[in-house]
Amino acid sequence: MRLLAVAAIAGTLGSSTIVFGGPPEKPQQIRGEGCVEPGVETRCLVVKDVPSGALFNLFVKGVQPEIGSGIVFVGVPHHGMTTCLQGTAVDVQSWAHKDLKCTQGTAPKPRK
């Protein structure tokens, strides 16, 4: 009986696969530039990236850029739920003002 139990445990261990991954991957950085616009939802900020035309939903900790201002930003994909339903959600790591011709409600056209 004891031999049967050992054989059962050995069979279970032998059939399972243990996977050891390397170090966790760093999240892909997202870079963008454009004019800050209000999102459809309250307290949401969006930027339409000038080079690509992609829409980003920005989550900025600390001082936030003003609506209608031009910025460049670097961030990582936001994980988790959000009430801001526009664009790709980004946790902004840094941002700076950029001289863009911004008027509230419009953004510069993508570069071709």
C-alpha atoms as a PDB file:
ATOM      1  CA  MET A   1       0.000   0.000   0.000  1.00  0.00           C
ATOM      2  CA  ARG A   2       2.824   2.358   0.884  1.00  0.00           C
ATOM      3  CA  LEU A   3       4.547   1.651  -2.418  1.00  0.00           C
ATOM      4  CA  LEU A   4       1.314   2.450  -4.264  1.00  0.00           C
ATOM      5  CA  ALA A   5       1.040   5.854  -2.525  1.00  0.00           C
ATOM      6  CA  VAL A   6       4.649   6.712  -3.402  1.00  0.00           C
ATOM      7  CA  ALA A   7       4.046   5.706  -7.024  1.00  0.00           C
ATOM      8  CA  ALA A   8       0.920   7.886  -7.165  1.00  0.00           C
ATOM      9  CA  ILE A   9       2.785  10.918  -5.792  1.00  0.00           C
ATOM     10  CA  ALA A  10       5.701  10.355  -8.171  1.00  0.00           C
ATOM     11  CA  GLY A  11       3.296  10.093 -11.103  1.00  0.00           C
ATOM     12  CA  THR A  12       1.580  13.328 -10.125  1.00  0.00           C
ATOM     13  CA  LEU A  13       4.852  15.203  -9.772  1.00  0.00           C
ATOM     14  CA  GLY A  14       6.216  13.777 -12.985  1.00  0.00           C
ATOM     15  CA  SER A  15       3.214  14.902 -14.999  1.00  0.00           C
ATOM     16  CA  SER A  16       3.122  18.456 -13.695  1.00  0.00           C
ATOM     17  CA  THR A  17       5.158  21.139 -15.348  1.00  0.00           C
ATOM     18  CA  ILE A  18       6.904  23.748 -13.293  1.00  0.00           C
ATOM     19  CA  VAL A  19       7.613  26.894 -15.230  1.00  0.00           C
ATOM     20  CA  PHE A  20      10.140  29.374 -13.955  1.00  0.00           C
ATOM     21  CA  GLY A  21      10.013  32.659 -15.771  1.00  0.00           C
ATOM     22  CA  GLY A  22      12.778  35.182 -15.908  1.00  0.00           C
ATOM     23  CA  PRO A  23      12.478  38.551 -14.260  1.00  0.00           C
ATOM     24  CA  PRO A  24       9.139  40.270 -14.819  1.00  0.00           C
ATOM     25  CA  GLU A  25       9.016  42.239 -18.047  1.00  0.00           C
ATOM     26  CA  LYS A  26       9.095  46.019 -17.812  1.00  0.00           C
ATOM     27  CA  PRO A  27       5.881  47.550 -19.141  1.00  0.00           C
ATOM     28  CA  GLN A  28       6.225  49.003 -22.603  1.00  0.00           C
ATOM     29  CA  GLN A  29       6.701  52.762 -22.484  1.00  0.00           C
ATOM     30  CA  ILE A  30       4.231  54.941 -24.319  1.00  0.00           C
ATOM     31  CA  ARG A  31       5.340  58.319 -25.657  1.00  0.00           C
ATOM     32  CA  GLY A  32       3.080  60.937 -27.098  1.00  0.00           C
ATOM     33  CA  GLU A  33       2.600  64.597 -27.842  1.00  0.00           C
ATOM     34  CA  GLY A  34      -0.475  66.641 -28.447  1.00  0.00           C
ATOM     35  CA  CYS A  35      -3.043  68.987 -27.007  1.00  0.00           C
ATOM     36  CA  VAL A  36      -4.738  68.218 -23.722  1.00  0.00           C
ATOM     37  CA  GLU A  37      -8.502  68.014 -24.088  1.00  0.00           C
ATOM     38  CA  PRO A  38     -11.269  67.212 -21.624  1.00  0.00           C
ATOM     39  CA  GLY A  39     -12.604  63.689 -21.823  1.00  0.00           C
ATOM     40  CA  VAL A  40     -16.294  62.956 -22.171  1.00  0.00           C
ATOM     41  CA  GLU A  41     -16.332  61.799 -18.541  1.00  0.00           C
ATOM     42  CA  THR A  42     -15.673  64.260 -15.704  1.00  0.00           C
ATOM     43  CA  ARG A  43     -12.018  64.703 -14.662  1.00  0.00           C
ATOM     44  CA  CYS A  44     -10.688  62.729 -17.635  1.00  0.00           C
ATOM     45  CA  LEU A  45      -7.865  64.095 -19.796  1.00  0.00           C
ATOM     46  CA  VAL A  46      -7.216  62.947 -23.348  1.00  0.00           C
ATOM     47  CA  VAL A  47      -4.453  63.686 -25.840  1.00  0.00           C
ATOM     48  CA  LYS A  48      -4.564  62.864 -29.532  1.00  0.00           C
ATOM     49  CA  ASP A  49      -0.968  62.026 -30.432  1.00  0.00           C
ATOM     50  CA  VAL A  50       0.231  64.286 -33.251  1.00  0.00           C
ATOM     51  CA  PRO A  51       2.627  61.789 -34.926  1.00  0.00           C
ATOM     52  CA  SER A  52       0.283  58.766 -34.909  1.00  0.00           C
ATOM     53  CA  GLY A  53      -3.239  60.108 -34.410  1.00  0.00           C
ATOM     54  CA  ALA A  54      -3.747  57.672 -31.481  1.00  0.00           C
ATOM     55  CA  LEU A  55      -5.985  58.830 -28.636  1.00  0.00           C
ATOM     56  CA  PHE A  56      -4.613  58.487 -25.097  1.00  0.00           C
ATOM     57  CA  ASN A  57      -6.475  58.756 -21.813  1.00  0.00           C
ATOM     58  CA  LEU A  58      -3.965  60.223 -19.338  1.00  0.00           C
ATOM     59  CA  PHE A  59      -3.747  59.481 -15.626  1.00  0.00           C
ATOM     60  CA  VAL A  60      -1.420  62.094 -14.126  1.00  0.00           C
ATOM     61  CA  LYS A  61      -0.416  62.136 -10.469  1.00  0.00           C
ATOM     62  CA  GLY A  62       0.444  65.509  -9.002  1.00  0.00           C
ATOM     63  CA  VAL A  63       0.344  68.644 -11.133  1.00  0.00           C
ATOM     64  CA  GLN A  64      -1.848  68.103 -14.166  1.00  0.00           C
ATOM     65  CA  PRO A  65      -1.469  69.848 -17.512  1.00  0.00           C
ATOM     66  CA  GLU A  66      -4.054  72.483 -18.342  1.00  0.00           C
ATOM     67  CA  ILE A  67      -6.767  71.800 -20.866  1.00  0.00           C
ATOM     68  CA  GLY A  68      -5.789  73.374 -24.161  1.00  0.00           C
ATOM     69  CA  SER A  69      -2.038  73.150 -23.509  1.00  0.00           C
ATOM     70  CA  GLY A  70       0.442  71.251 -25.674  1.00  0.00           C
ATOM     71  CA  ILE A  71       2.460  68.531 -23.946  1.00  0.00           C
ATOM     72  CA  VAL A  72       4.823  65.636 -24.507  1.00  0.00           C
ATOM     73  CA  PHE A  73       4.467  62.683 -22.141  1.00  0.00           C
ATOM     74  CA  VAL A  74       5.967  59.324 -21.267  1.00  0.00           C
ATOM     75  CA  GLY A  75       4.006  56.634 -19.458  1.00  0.00           C
ATOM     76  CA  VAL A  76       3.083  52.984 -19.202  1.00  0.00           C
ATOM     77  CA  PRO A  77      -0.189  51.180 -19.932  1.00  0.00           C
ATOM     78  CA  HIS A  78      -2.734  51.616 -17.141  1.00  0.00           C
ATOM     79  CA  HIS A  79      -3.875  48.366 -15.558  1.00  0.00           C
ATOM     80  CA  GLY A  80      -7.270  48.044 -13.961  1.00  0.00           C
ATOM     81  CA  MET A  81     -10.666  49.598 -14.355  1.00  0.00           C
ATOM     82  CA  THR A  82     -11.222  53.197 -15.389  1.00  0.00           C
ATOM     83  CA  THR A  83     -14.272  55.392 -15.792  1.00  0.00           C
ATOM     84  CA  CYS A  84     -12.562  57.290 -18.606  1.00  0.00           C
ATOM     85  CA  LEU A  85     -13.721  55.352 -21.614  1.00  0.00           C
ATOM     86  CA  GLN A  86     -11.817  57.142 -24.372  1.00  0.00           C
ATOM     87  CA  GLY A  87      -8.513  56.094 -25.864  1.00  0.00           C
ATOM     88  CA  THR A  88      -5.713  53.958 -24.490  1.00  0.00           C
ATOM     89  CA  ALA A  89      -5.362  54.437 -20.728  1.00  0.00           C
ATOM     90  CA  VAL A  90      -1.840  55.564 -19.743  1.00  0.00           C
ATOM     91  CA  ASP A  91      -0.256  56.121 -16.322  1.00  0.00           C
ATOM     92  CA  VAL A  92       1.874  59.191 -17.054  1.00  0.00           C
ATOM     93  CA  GLN A  93       5.359  59.006 -15.555  1.00  0.00           C
ATOM     94  CA  SER A  94       6.465  62.430 -16.782  1.00  0.00           C
ATOM     95  CA  TRP A  95       5.208  65.239 -18.962  1.00  0.00           C
ATOM     96  CA  ALA A  96       6.407  68.640 -20.155  1.00  0.00           C
ATOM     97  CA  HIS A  97       4.895  71.578 -21.987  1.00  0.00           C
ATOM     98  CA  LYS A  98       5.407  71.638 -25.752  1.00  0.00           C
ATOM     99  CA  ASP A  99       4.784  74.560 -28.054  1.00  0.00           C
ATOM    100  CA  LEU A 100       1.866  73.312 -30.156  1.00  0.00           C
ATOM    101  CA  LYS A 101      -0.910  75.345 -31.717  1.00  0.00           C
ATOM    102  CA  CYS A 102      -3.720  74.158 -29.482  1.00  0.00           C
ATOM    103  CA  THR A 103      -7.203  75.516 -29.277  1.00  0.00           C
ATOM    104  CA  GLN A 104      -9.616  73.918 -26.873  1.00  0.00           C
ATOM    105  CA  GLY A 105     -11.603  71.168 -28.561  1.00  0.00           C
ATOM    106  CA  THR A 106      -9.239  70.698 -31.499  1.00  0.00           C
ATOM    107  CA  ALA A 107      -5.860  69.064 -31.915  1.00  0.00           C
ATOM    108  CA  PRO A 108      -3.122  69.434 -34.499  1.00  0.00           C
ATOM    109  CA  LYS A 109      -3.408  67.072 -37.465  1.00  0.00           C
ATOM    110  CA  PRO A 110      -1.225  63.926 -37.503  1.00  0.00           C
ATOM    111  CA  ARG A 111       2.066  64.296 -39.380  1.00  0.00           C
ATOM    112  CA  LYS A 112       2.335  62.503 -42.719  1.00  0.00           C
END
